[in-house]
Amino acid sequence: MDLGVISLGLVALIVLTVALARSRMRGEHETRRGSEPGTGDHVIDISYNSGGPGGGHQGELRVPRDPQEYARRFVPQSAWRRDAKSDTVPPPAPGKPKTGA
């Protein structure tokens, strides 16, 4: 191959990569990710078929639209039990400075 053809191909590849990167950067400002907070759940279908007769799995995943409910789903059950036992804030550990206002 000629050195000019290789150089031209590399320049064309660089120009296309830069053009694609710029178009993607511009597109982010026009669309927002996520969804508006609200009530109810988003329902996501997680079904798949393994290709054989009777194979696969059917199901759905429910994701709450309320940000507080969404965050509560990530709190372990042990923390819920601990919070139910005492509604007071525990004192700071010995040797640790107090934080807060």
PDB file of N, CA and C in Angstrom:
ATOM      1  N   MET A   1       0.837  -1.183   0.000  1.00  0.00           N
ATOM      2  CA  MET A   1       0.000   0.000   0.000  1.00  0.00           C
ATOM      3  C   MET A   1       0.876   1.239   0.000  1.00  0.00           C
ATOM      4  N   ASP A   2       0.305   2.246  -0.509  1.00  0.00           N
ATOM      5  CA  ASP A   2       1.017   3.509  -0.585  1.00  0.00           C
ATOM      6  C   ASP A   2       0.923   4.238   0.765  1.00  0.00           C
ATOM      7  N   LEU A   3       1.965   4.920   1.157  1.00  0.00           N
ATOM      8  CA  LEU A   3       2.000   5.654   2.412  1.00  0.00           C
ATOM      9  C   LEU A   3       0.952   6.769   2.432  1.00  0.00           C
ATOM     10  N   GLY A   4       0.652   7.353   1.293  1.00  0.00           N
ATOM     11  CA  GLY A   4      -0.359   8.409   1.214  1.00  0.00           C
ATOM     12  C   GLY A   4      -1.753   7.901   1.529  1.00  0.00           C
ATOM     13  N   VAL A   5      -2.089   6.693   1.083  1.00  0.00           N
ATOM     14  CA  VAL A   5      -3.411   6.114   1.343  1.00  0.00           C
ATOM     15  C   VAL A   5      -3.561   5.827   2.834  1.00  0.00           C
ATOM     16  N   ILE A   6      -2.520   5.305   3.452  1.00  0.00           N
ATOM     17  CA  ILE A   6      -2.568   5.015   4.884  1.00  0.00           C
ATOM     18  C   ILE A   6      -2.714   6.310   5.676  1.00  0.00           C
ATOM     19  N   SER A   7      -1.954   7.327   5.318  1.00  0.00           N
ATOM     20  CA  SER A   7      -2.038   8.616   6.010  1.00  0.00           C
ATOM     21  C   SER A   7      -3.421   9.236   5.858  1.00  0.00           C
ATOM     22  N   LEU A   8      -3.965   9.185   4.652  1.00  0.00           N
ATOM     23  CA  LEU A   8      -5.295   9.726   4.403  1.00  0.00           C
ATOM     24  C   LEU A   8      -6.351   8.973   5.217  1.00  0.00           C
ATOM     25  N   GLY A   9      -6.211   7.674   5.310  1.00  0.00           N
ATOM     26  CA  GLY A   9      -7.144   6.869   6.103  1.00  0.00           C
ATOM     27  C   GLY A   9      -7.077   7.215   7.581  1.00  0.00           C
ATOM     28  N   LEU A  10      -5.885   7.409   8.109  1.00  0.00           N
ATOM     29  CA  LEU A  10      -5.731   7.776   9.517  1.00  0.00           C
ATOM     30  C   LEU A  10      -6.316   9.159   9.795  1.00  0.00           C
ATOM     31  N   VAL A  11      -6.094  10.110   8.907  1.00  0.00           N
ATOM     32  CA  VAL A  11      -6.640  11.452   9.081  1.00  0.00           C
ATOM     33  C   VAL A  11      -8.170  11.398   9.046  1.00  0.00           C
ATOM     34  N   ALA A  12      -8.718  10.616   8.122  1.00  0.00           N
ATOM     35  CA  ALA A  12     -10.169  10.485   8.029  1.00  0.00           C
ATOM     36  C   ALA A  12     -10.732   9.849   9.300  1.00  0.00           C
ATOM     37  N   LEU A  13     -10.057   8.855   9.856  1.00  0.00           N
ATOM     38  CA  LEU A  13     -10.498   8.205  11.084  1.00  0.00           C
ATOM     39  C   LEU A  13     -10.475   9.176  12.266  1.00  0.00           C
ATOM     40  N   ILE A  14      -9.450   9.992  12.353  1.00  0.00           N
ATOM     41  CA  ILE A  14      -9.349  10.978  13.432  1.00  0.00           C
ATOM     42  C   ILE A  14     -10.452  12.023  13.306  1.00  0.00           C
ATOM     43  N   VAL A  15     -10.703  12.498  12.106  1.00  0.00           N
ATOM     44  CA  VAL A  15     -11.741  13.506  11.888  1.00  0.00           C
ATOM     45  C   VAL A  15     -13.114  12.939  12.251  1.00  0.00           C
ATOM     46  N   LEU A  16     -13.401  11.708  11.862  1.00  0.00           N
ATOM     47  CA  LEU A  16     -14.686  11.095  12.195  1.00  0.00           C
ATOM     48  C   LEU A  16     -14.834  10.894  13.702  1.00  0.00           C
ATOM     49  N   THR A  17     -13.764  10.507  14.372  1.00  0.00           N
ATOM     50  CA  THR A  17     -13.820  10.322  15.826  1.00  0.00           C
ATOM     51  C   THR A  17     -14.098  11.635  16.538  1.00  0.00           C
ATOM     52  N   VAL A  18     -13.441  12.704  16.121  1.00  0.00           N
ATOM     53  CA  VAL A  18     -13.664  14.014  16.735  1.00  0.00           C
ATOM     54  C   VAL A  18     -15.082  14.492  16.460  1.00  0.00           C
ATOM     55  N   ALA A  19     -15.571  14.301  15.244  1.00  0.00           N
ATOM     56  CA  ALA A  19     -16.934  14.724  14.908  1.00  0.00           C
ATOM     57  C   ALA A  19     -17.967  13.953  15.727  1.00  0.00           C
ATOM     58  N   LEU A  20     -17.764  12.660  15.925  1.00  0.00           N
ATOM     59  CA  LEU A  20     -18.684  11.857  16.730  1.00  0.00           C
ATOM     60  C   LEU A  20     -18.653  12.301  18.190  1.00  0.00           C
ATOM     61  N   ALA A  21     -17.488  12.567  18.731  1.00  0.00           N
ATOM     62  CA  ALA A  21     -17.373  13.015  20.120  1.00  0.00           C
ATOM     63  C   ALA A  21     -18.073  14.356  20.319  1.00  0.00           C
ATOM     64  N   ARG A  22     -17.899  15.274  19.396  1.00  0.00           N
ATOM     65  CA  ARG A  22     -18.550  16.590  19.524  1.00  0.00           C
ATOM     66  C   ARG A  22     -20.059  16.476  19.425  1.00  0.00           C
ATOM     67  N   SER A  23     -20.558  15.614  18.539  1.00  0.00           N
ATOM     68  CA  SER A  23     -22.007  15.478  18.407  1.00  0.00           C
ATOM     69  C   SER A  23     -22.610  14.851  19.656  1.00  0.00           C
ATOM     70  N   ARG A  24     -21.916  13.948  20.308  1.00  0.00           N
ATOM     71  CA  ARG A  24     -22.431  13.339  21.544  1.00  0.00           C
ATOM     72  C   ARG A  24     -22.393  14.328  22.695  1.00  0.00           C
ATOM     73  N   MET A  25     -21.382  15.178  22.751  1.00  0.00           N
ATOM     74  CA  MET A  25     -21.306  16.174  23.815  1.00  0.00           C
ATOM     75  C   MET A  25     -22.447  17.180  23.680  1.00  0.00           C
ATOM     76  N   ARG A  26     -22.785  17.551  22.494  1.00  0.00           N
ATOM     77  CA  ARG A  26     -23.881  18.497  22.274  1.00  0.00           C
ATOM     78  C   ARG A  26     -25.222  17.881  22.621  1.00  0.00           C
ATOM     79  N   GLY A  27     -25.394  16.598  22.366  1.00  0.00           N
ATOM     80  CA  GLY A  27     -26.666  15.928  22.601  1.00  0.00           C
ATOM     81  C   GLY A  27     -27.030  15.786  24.063  1.00  0.00           C
ATOM     82  N   GLU A  28     -26.041  15.775  24.969  1.00  0.00           N
ATOM     83  CA  GLU A  28     -26.333  15.594  26.386  1.00  0.00           C
ATOM     84  C   GLU A  28     -27.106  16.757  26.975  1.00  0.00           C
ATOM     85  N   HIS A  29     -26.915  17.945  26.474  1.00  0.00           N
ATOM     86  CA  HIS A  29     -27.587  19.105  27.029  1.00  0.00           C
ATOM     87  C   HIS A  29     -29.059  19.141  26.648  1.00  0.00           C
ATOM     88  N   GLU A  30     -29.425  18.471  25.584  1.00  0.00           N
ATOM     89  CA  GLU A  30     -30.802  18.517  25.110  1.00  0.00           C
ATOM     90  C   GLU A  30     -31.697  17.517  25.828  1.00  0.00           C
ATOM     91  N   THR A  31     -31.144  16.391  26.269  1.00  0.00           N
ATOM     92  CA  THR A  31     -31.950  15.370  26.919  1.00  0.00           C
ATOM     93  C   THR A  31     -31.489  15.182  28.358  1.00  0.00           C
ATOM     94  N   ARG A  32     -32.449  14.905  29.218  1.00  0.00           N
ATOM     95  CA  ARG A  32     -32.129  14.651  30.613  1.00  0.00           C
ATOM     96  C   ARG A  32     -32.232  13.162  30.888  1.00  0.00           C
ATOM     97  N   ARG A  33     -31.361  12.669  31.733  1.00  0.00           N
ATOM     98  CA  ARG A  33     -31.401  11.267  32.106  1.00  0.00           C
ATOM     99  C   ARG A  33     -32.385  11.085  33.251  1.00  0.00           C
ATOM    100  N   GLY A  34     -32.893   9.879  33.373  1.00  0.00           N
ATOM    101  CA  GLY A  34     -33.784   9.575  34.480  1.00  0.00           C
ATOM    102  C   GLY A  34     -35.225   9.942  34.166  1.00  0.00           C
ATOM    103  N   SER A  35     -36.008  10.023  35.216  1.00  0.00           N
ATOM    104  CA  SER A  35     -37.418  10.360  35.064  1.00  0.00           C
ATOM    105  C   SER A  35     -37.822  11.317  36.167  1.00  0.00           C
ATOM    106  N   GLU A  36     -38.931  11.968  35.972  1.00  0.00           N
ATOM    107  CA  GLU A  36     -39.430  12.915  36.958  1.00  0.00           C
ATOM    108  C   GLU A  36     -39.926  12.162  38.197  1.00  0.00           C
ATOM    109  N   PRO A  37     -39.679  12.711  39.385  1.00  0.00           N
ATOM    110  CA  PRO A  37     -40.195  12.066  40.598  1.00  0.00           C
ATOM    111  C   PRO A  37     -41.720  12.051  40.586  1.00  0.00           C
ATOM    112  N   GLY A  38     -42.281  11.053  41.223  1.00  0.00           N
ATOM    113  CA  GLY A  38     -43.733  10.957  41.287  1.00  0.00           C
ATOM    114  C   GLY A  38     -44.150   9.785  42.143  1.00  0.00           C
ATOM    115  N   THR A  39     -45.362   9.334  41.939  1.00  0.00           N
ATOM    116  CA  THR A  39     -45.865   8.193  42.689  1.00  0.00           C
ATOM    117  C   THR A  39     -45.895   6.979  41.778  1.00  0.00           C
ATOM    118  N   GLY A  40     -45.988   5.823  42.392  1.00  0.00           N
ATOM    119  CA  GLY A  40     -46.044   4.592  41.613  1.00  0.00           C
ATOM    120  C   GLY A  40     -44.662   4.055  41.311  1.00  0.00           C
ATOM    121  N   ASP A  41     -44.620   3.082  40.424  1.00  0.00           N
ATOM    122  CA  ASP A  41     -43.377   2.408  40.074  1.00  0.00           C
ATOM    123  C   ASP A  41     -43.165   2.403  38.568  1.00  0.00           C
ATOM    124  N   HIS A  42     -41.906   2.348  38.175  1.00  0.00           N
ATOM    125  CA  HIS A  42     -41.556   1.990  36.803  1.00  0.00           C
ATOM    126  C   HIS A  42     -41.540   0.466  36.775  1.00  0.00           C
ATOM    127  N   VAL A  43     -42.089  -0.139  35.745  1.00  0.00           N
ATOM    128  CA  VAL A  43     -42.085  -1.590  35.632  1.00  0.00           C
ATOM    129  C   VAL A  43     -41.171  -1.949  34.468  1.00  0.00           C
ATOM    130  N   ILE A  44     -40.125  -2.742  34.778  1.00  0.00           N
ATOM    131  CA  ILE A  44     -39.158  -3.149  33.764  1.00  0.00           C
ATOM    132  C   ILE A  44     -39.317  -4.645  33.539  1.00  0.00           C
ATOM    133  N   ASP A  45     -39.548  -5.041  32.292  1.00  0.00           N
ATOM    134  CA  ASP A  45     -39.709  -6.453  31.946  1.00  0.00           C
ATOM    135  C   ASP A  45     -38.327  -7.093  31.854  1.00  0.00           C
ATOM    136  N   ILE A  46     -38.066  -8.117  32.667  1.00  0.00           N
ATOM    137  CA  ILE A  46     -36.755  -8.777  32.668  1.00  0.00           C
ATOM    138  C   ILE A  46     -36.881 -10.212  32.168  1.00  0.00           C
ATOM    139  N   SER A  47     -37.807 -10.454  31.259  1.00  0.00           N
ATOM    140  CA  SER A  47     -38.012 -11.792  30.711  1.00  0.00           C
ATOM    141  C   SER A  47     -36.975 -12.092  29.640  1.00  0.00           C
ATOM    142  N   TYR A  48     -36.612 -13.365  29.554  1.00  0.00           N
ATOM    143  CA  TYR A  48     -35.737 -13.797  28.475  1.00  0.00           C
ATOM    144  C   TYR A  48     -36.062 -15.227  28.104  1.00  0.00           C
ATOM    145  N   ASN A  49     -35.662 -15.621  26.914  1.00  0.00           N
ATOM    146  CA  ASN A  49     -35.879 -16.973  26.428  1.00  0.00           C
ATOM    147  C   ASN A  49     -34.516 -17.572  26.111  1.00  0.00           C
ATOM    148  N   SER A  50     -34.255 -18.764  26.653  1.00  0.00           N
ATOM    149  CA  SER A  50     -32.947 -19.377  26.441  1.00  0.00           C
ATOM    150  C   SER A  50     -32.839 -20.066  25.090  1.00  0.00           C
ATOM    151  N   GLY A  51     -33.889 -20.094  24.326  1.00  0.00           N
ATOM    152  CA  GLY A  51     -33.827 -20.663  22.983  1.00  0.00           C
ATOM    153  C   GLY A  51     -34.432 -22.043  22.863  1.00  0.00           C
ATOM    154  N   GLY A  52     -34.576 -22.749  23.944  1.00  0.00           N
ATOM    155  CA  GLY A  52     -35.149 -24.086  23.892  1.00  0.00           C
ATOM    156  C   GLY A  52     -36.611 -24.075  24.254  1.00  0.00           C
ATOM    157  N   PRO A  53     -37.284 -25.201  24.059  1.00  0.00           N
ATOM    158  CA  PRO A  53     -38.698 -25.252  24.428  1.00  0.00           C
ATOM    159  C   PRO A  53     -38.854 -25.193  25.951  1.00  0.00           C
ATOM    160  N   GLY A  54     -39.628 -24.254  26.407  1.00  0.00           N
ATOM    161  CA  GLY A  54     -39.880 -24.120  27.832  1.00  0.00           C
ATOM    162  C   GLY A  54     -38.757 -23.463  28.608  1.00  0.00           C
ATOM    163  N   GLY A  55     -37.706 -23.060  27.953  1.00  0.00           N
ATOM    164  CA  GLY A  55     -36.577 -22.445  28.652  1.00  0.00           C
ATOM    165  C   GLY A  55     -36.775 -20.960  28.830  1.00  0.00           C
ATOM    166  N   GLY A  56     -35.991 -20.396  29.701  1.00  0.00           N
ATOM    167  CA  GLY A  56     -36.055 -18.960  29.908  1.00  0.00           C
ATOM    168  C   GLY A  56     -36.629 -18.608  31.264  1.00  0.00           C
ATOM    169  N   HIS A  57     -36.879 -17.350  31.441  1.00  0.00           N
ATOM    170  CA  HIS A  57     -37.359 -16.849  32.726  1.00  0.00           C
ATOM    171  C   HIS A  57     -38.231 -15.627  32.464  1.00  0.00           C
ATOM    172  N   GLN A  58     -39.339 -15.548  33.172  1.00  0.00           N
ATOM    173  CA  GLN A  58     -40.218 -14.393  33.053  1.00  0.00           C
ATOM    174  C   GLN A  58     -40.225 -13.660  34.386  1.00  0.00           C
ATOM    175  N   GLY A  59     -40.259 -12.354  34.318  1.00  0.00           N
ATOM    176  CA  GLY A  59     -40.320 -11.568  35.541  1.00  0.00           C
ATOM    177  C   GLY A  59     -40.380 -10.090  35.232  1.00  0.00           C
ATOM    178  N   GLU A  60     -40.570  -9.329  36.287  1.00  0.00           N
ATOM    179  CA  GLU A  60     -40.584  -7.879  36.144  1.00  0.00           C
ATOM    180  C   GLU A  60     -39.901  -7.270  37.356  1.00  0.00           C
ATOM    181  N   LEU A  61     -39.319  -6.131  37.143  1.00  0.00           N
ATOM    182  CA  LEU A  61     -38.618  -5.399  38.193  1.00  0.00           C
ATOM    183  C   LEU A  61     -39.357  -4.091  38.405  1.00  0.00           C
ATOM    184  N   ARG A  62     -39.653  -3.791  39.648  1.00  0.00           N
ATOM    185  CA  ARG A  62     -40.370  -2.553  39.972  1.00  0.00           C
ATOM    186  C   ARG A  62     -39.406  -1.578  40.620  1.00  0.00           C
ATOM    187  N   VAL A  63     -39.309  -0.371  40.062  1.00  0.00           N
ATOM    188  CA  VAL A  63     -38.441   0.679  40.579  1.00  0.00           C
ATOM    189  C   VAL A  63     -39.323   1.861  40.961  1.00  0.00           C
ATOM    190  N   PRO A  64     -39.313   2.260  42.240  1.00  0.00           N
ATOM    191  CA  PRO A  64     -40.188   3.364  42.660  1.00  0.00           C
ATOM    192  C   PRO A  64     -39.764   4.696  42.036  1.00  0.00           C
ATOM    193  N   ARG A  65     -40.751   5.515  41.720  1.00  0.00           N
ATOM    194  CA  ARG A  65     -40.485   6.845  41.164  1.00  0.00           C
ATOM    195  C   ARG A  65     -40.150   7.869  42.240  1.00  0.00           C
ATOM    196  N   ASP A  66     -40.585   7.613  43.469  1.00  0.00           N
ATOM    197  CA  ASP A  66     -40.316   8.517  44.580  1.00  0.00           C
ATOM    198  C   ASP A  66     -38.861   8.351  45.017  1.00  0.00           C
ATOM    199  N   PRO A  67     -38.055   9.428  45.023  1.00  0.00           N
ATOM    200  CA  PRO A  67     -36.638   9.302  45.386  1.00  0.00           C
ATOM    201  C   PRO A  67     -36.421   8.784  46.808  1.00  0.00           C
ATOM    202  N   GLN A  68     -37.286   9.164  47.750  1.00  0.00           N
ATOM    203  CA  GLN A  68     -37.120   8.683  49.128  1.00  0.00           C
ATOM    204  C   GLN A  68     -37.408   7.189  49.232  1.00  0.00           C
ATOM    205  N   GLU A  69     -38.431   6.738  48.558  1.00  0.00           N
ATOM    206  CA  GLU A  69     -38.742   5.303  48.565  1.00  0.00           C
ATOM    207  C   GLU A  69     -37.633   4.520  47.864  1.00  0.00           C
ATOM    208  N   TYR A  70     -37.099   5.064  46.803  1.00  0.00           N
ATOM    209  CA  TYR A  70     -35.992   4.422  46.091  1.00  0.00           C
ATOM    210  C   TYR A  70     -34.790   4.257  47.025  1.00  0.00           C
ATOM    211  N   ALA A  71     -34.466   5.299  47.796  1.00  0.00           N
ATOM    212  CA  ALA A  71     -33.329   5.236  48.719  1.00  0.00           C
ATOM    213  C   ALA A  71     -33.596   4.240  49.843  1.00  0.00           C
ATOM    214  N   ARG A  72     -34.846   4.158  50.326  1.00  0.00           N
ATOM    215  CA  ARG A  72     -35.173   3.223  51.410  1.00  0.00           C
ATOM    216  C   ARG A  72     -34.931   1.776  51.010  1.00  0.00           C
ATOM    217  N   ARG A  73     -35.070   1.465  49.744  1.00  0.00           N
ATOM    218  CA  ARG A  73     -34.884   0.085  49.297  1.00  0.00           C
ATOM    219  C   ARG A  73     -33.434  -0.375  49.426  1.00  0.00           C
ATOM    220  N   PHE A  74     -32.492   0.552  49.568  1.00  0.00           N
ATOM    221  CA  PHE A  74     -31.086   0.193  49.683  1.00  0.00           C
ATOM    222  C   PHE A  74     -30.612   0.080  51.129  1.00  0.00           C
ATOM    223  N   VAL A  75     -31.500   0.407  52.086  1.00  0.00           N
ATOM    224  CA  VAL A  75     -31.132   0.319  53.498  1.00  0.00           C
ATOM    225  C   VAL A  75     -31.304  -1.127  53.947  1.00  0.00           C
ATOM    226  N   PRO A  76     -30.275  -1.742  54.563  1.00  0.00           N
ATOM    227  CA  PRO A  76     -30.399  -3.132  55.009  1.00  0.00           C
ATOM    228  C   PRO A  76     -31.438  -3.287  56.121  1.00  0.00           C
ATOM    229  N   GLN A  77     -32.016  -4.469  56.238  1.00  0.00           N
ATOM    230  CA  GLN A  77     -33.038  -4.731  57.245  1.00  0.00           C
ATOM    231  C   GLN A  77     -32.497  -4.537  58.656  1.00  0.00           C
ATOM    232  N   SER A  78     -31.219  -4.823  58.891  1.00  0.00           N
ATOM    233  CA  SER A  78     -30.658  -4.649  60.232  1.00  0.00           C
ATOM    234  C   SER A  78     -30.708  -3.182  60.658  1.00  0.00           C
ATOM    235  N   ALA A  79     -30.546  -2.265  59.725  1.00  0.00           N
ATOM    236  CA  ALA A  79     -30.625  -0.845  60.059  1.00  0.00           C
ATOM    237  C   ALA A  79     -32.059  -0.445  60.390  1.00  0.00           C
ATOM    238  N   TRP A  80     -33.040  -1.040  59.740  1.00  0.00           N
ATOM    239  CA  TRP A  80     -34.437  -0.743  60.051  1.00  0.00           C
ATOM    240  C   TRP A  80     -34.759  -1.204  61.468  1.00  0.00           C
ATOM    241  N   ARG A  81     -34.293  -2.386  61.843  1.00  0.00           N
ATOM    242  CA  ARG A  81     -34.549  -2.900  63.192  1.00  0.00           C
ATOM    243  C   ARG A  81     -33.858  -2.028  64.228  1.00  0.00           C
ATOM    244  N   ARG A  82     -32.637  -1.632  63.949  1.00  0.00           N
ATOM    245  CA  ARG A  82     -31.884  -0.798  64.876  1.00  0.00           C
ATOM    246  C   ARG A  82     -32.567   0.557  65.061  1.00  0.00           C
ATOM    247  N   ASP A  83     -33.076   1.122  63.977  1.00  0.00           N
ATOM    248  CA  ASP A  83     -33.748   2.413  64.031  1.00  0.00           C
ATOM    249  C   ASP A  83     -35.065   2.313  64.797  1.00  0.00           C
ATOM    250  N   ALA A  84     -35.753   1.189  64.681  1.00  0.00           N
ATOM    251  CA  ALA A  84     -37.029   1.013  65.368  1.00  0.00           C
ATOM    252  C   ALA A  84     -36.831   0.892  66.878  1.00  0.00           C
ATOM    253  N   LYS A  85     -35.699   0.342  67.316  1.00  0.00           N
ATOM    254  CA  LYS A  85     -35.437   0.169  68.745  1.00  0.00           C
ATOM    255  C   LYS A  85     -35.189   1.503  69.439  1.00  0.00           C
ATOM    256  N   SER A  86     -34.461   2.391  68.803  1.00  0.00           N
ATOM    257  CA  SER A  86     -34.183   3.687  69.431  1.00  0.00           C
ATOM    258  C   SER A  86     -34.302   4.792  68.393  1.00  0.00           C
ATOM    259  N   ASP A  87     -35.065   5.788  68.757  1.00  0.00           N
ATOM    260  CA  ASP A  87     -35.225   6.931  67.865  1.00  0.00           C
ATOM    261  C   ASP A  87     -34.222   8.028  68.181  1.00  0.00           C
ATOM    262  N   THR A  88     -33.334   7.781  69.137  1.00  0.00           N
ATOM    263  CA  THR A  88     -32.347   8.791  69.505  1.00  0.00           C
ATOM    264  C   THR A  88     -31.056   8.552  68.747  1.00  0.00           C
ATOM    265  N   VAL A  89     -30.281   9.600  68.616  1.00  0.00           N
ATOM    266  CA  VAL A  89     -28.986   9.506  67.959  1.00  0.00           C
ATOM    267  C   VAL A  89     -27.981   9.009  68.986  1.00  0.00           C
ATOM    268  N   PRO A  90     -27.200   7.964  68.678  1.00  0.00           N
ATOM    269  CA  PRO A  90     -26.241   7.460  69.647  1.00  0.00           C
ATOM    270  C   PRO A  90     -25.130   8.475  69.896  1.00  0.00           C
ATOM    271  N   PRO A  91     -24.546   8.460  71.111  1.00  0.00           N
ATOM    272  CA  PRO A  91     -23.466   9.401  71.408  1.00  0.00           C
ATOM    273  C   PRO A  91     -22.236   9.072  70.569  1.00  0.00           C
ATOM    274  N   PRO A  92     -21.364  10.060  70.341  1.00  0.00           N
ATOM    275  CA  PRO A  92     -20.166   9.791  69.542  1.00  0.00           C
ATOM    276  C   PRO A  92     -19.242   8.829  70.279  1.00  0.00           C
ATOM    277  N   ALA A  93     -18.444   8.106  69.531  1.00  0.00           N
ATOM    278  CA  ALA A  93     -17.496   7.158  70.102  1.00  0.00           C
ATOM    279  C   ALA A  93     -16.440   7.912  70.906  1.00  0.00           C
ATOM    280  N   PRO A  94     -15.885   7.281  71.964  1.00  0.00           N
ATOM    281  CA  PRO A  94     -14.857   7.957  72.770  1.00  0.00           C
ATOM    282  C   PRO A  94     -13.660   8.341  71.901  1.00  0.00           C
ATOM    283  N   GLY A  95     -13.165   9.541  72.164  1.00  0.00           N
ATOM    284  CA  GLY A  95     -11.994  10.003  71.410  1.00  0.00           C
ATOM    285  C   GLY A  95     -12.317  10.647  70.081  1.00  0.00           C
ATOM    286  N   LYS A  96     -13.560  10.604  69.665  1.00  0.00           N
ATOM    287  CA  LYS A  96     -13.944  11.219  68.400  1.00  0.00           C
ATOM    288  C   LYS A  96     -14.597  12.561  68.681  1.00  0.00           C
ATOM    289  N   PRO A  97     -14.258  13.590  67.916  1.00  0.00           N
ATOM    290  CA  PRO A  97     -14.886  14.901  68.134  1.00  0.00           C
ATOM    291  C   PRO A  97     -16.340  14.890  67.728  1.00  0.00           C
ATOM    292  N   LYS A  98     -17.131  15.714  68.407  1.00  0.00           N
ATOM    293  CA  LYS A  98     -18.532  15.837  68.050  1.00  0.00           C
ATOM    294  C   LYS A  98     -18.653  16.589  66.748  1.00  0.00           C
ATOM    295  N   THR A  99     -19.637  16.183  65.924  1.00  0.00           N
ATOM    296  CA  THR A  99     -19.888  16.891  64.667  1.00  0.00           C
ATOM    297  C   THR A  99     -21.294  17.439  64.725  1.00  0.00           C
ATOM    298  N   GLY A 100     -21.534  18.451  63.957  1.00  0.00           N
ATOM    299  CA  GLY A 100     -22.878  19.022  63.886  1.00  0.00           C
ATOM    300  C   GLY A 100     -22.845  20.507  64.060  1.00  0.00           C
ATOM    301  N   ALA A 101     -24.037  21.096  64.180  1.00  0.00           N
ATOM    302  CA  ALA A 101     -24.130  22.556  64.259  1.00  0.00           C
ATOM    303  C   ALA A 101     -23.845  23.067  65.629  1.00  0.00           C
TER     304      ALA A 101
END
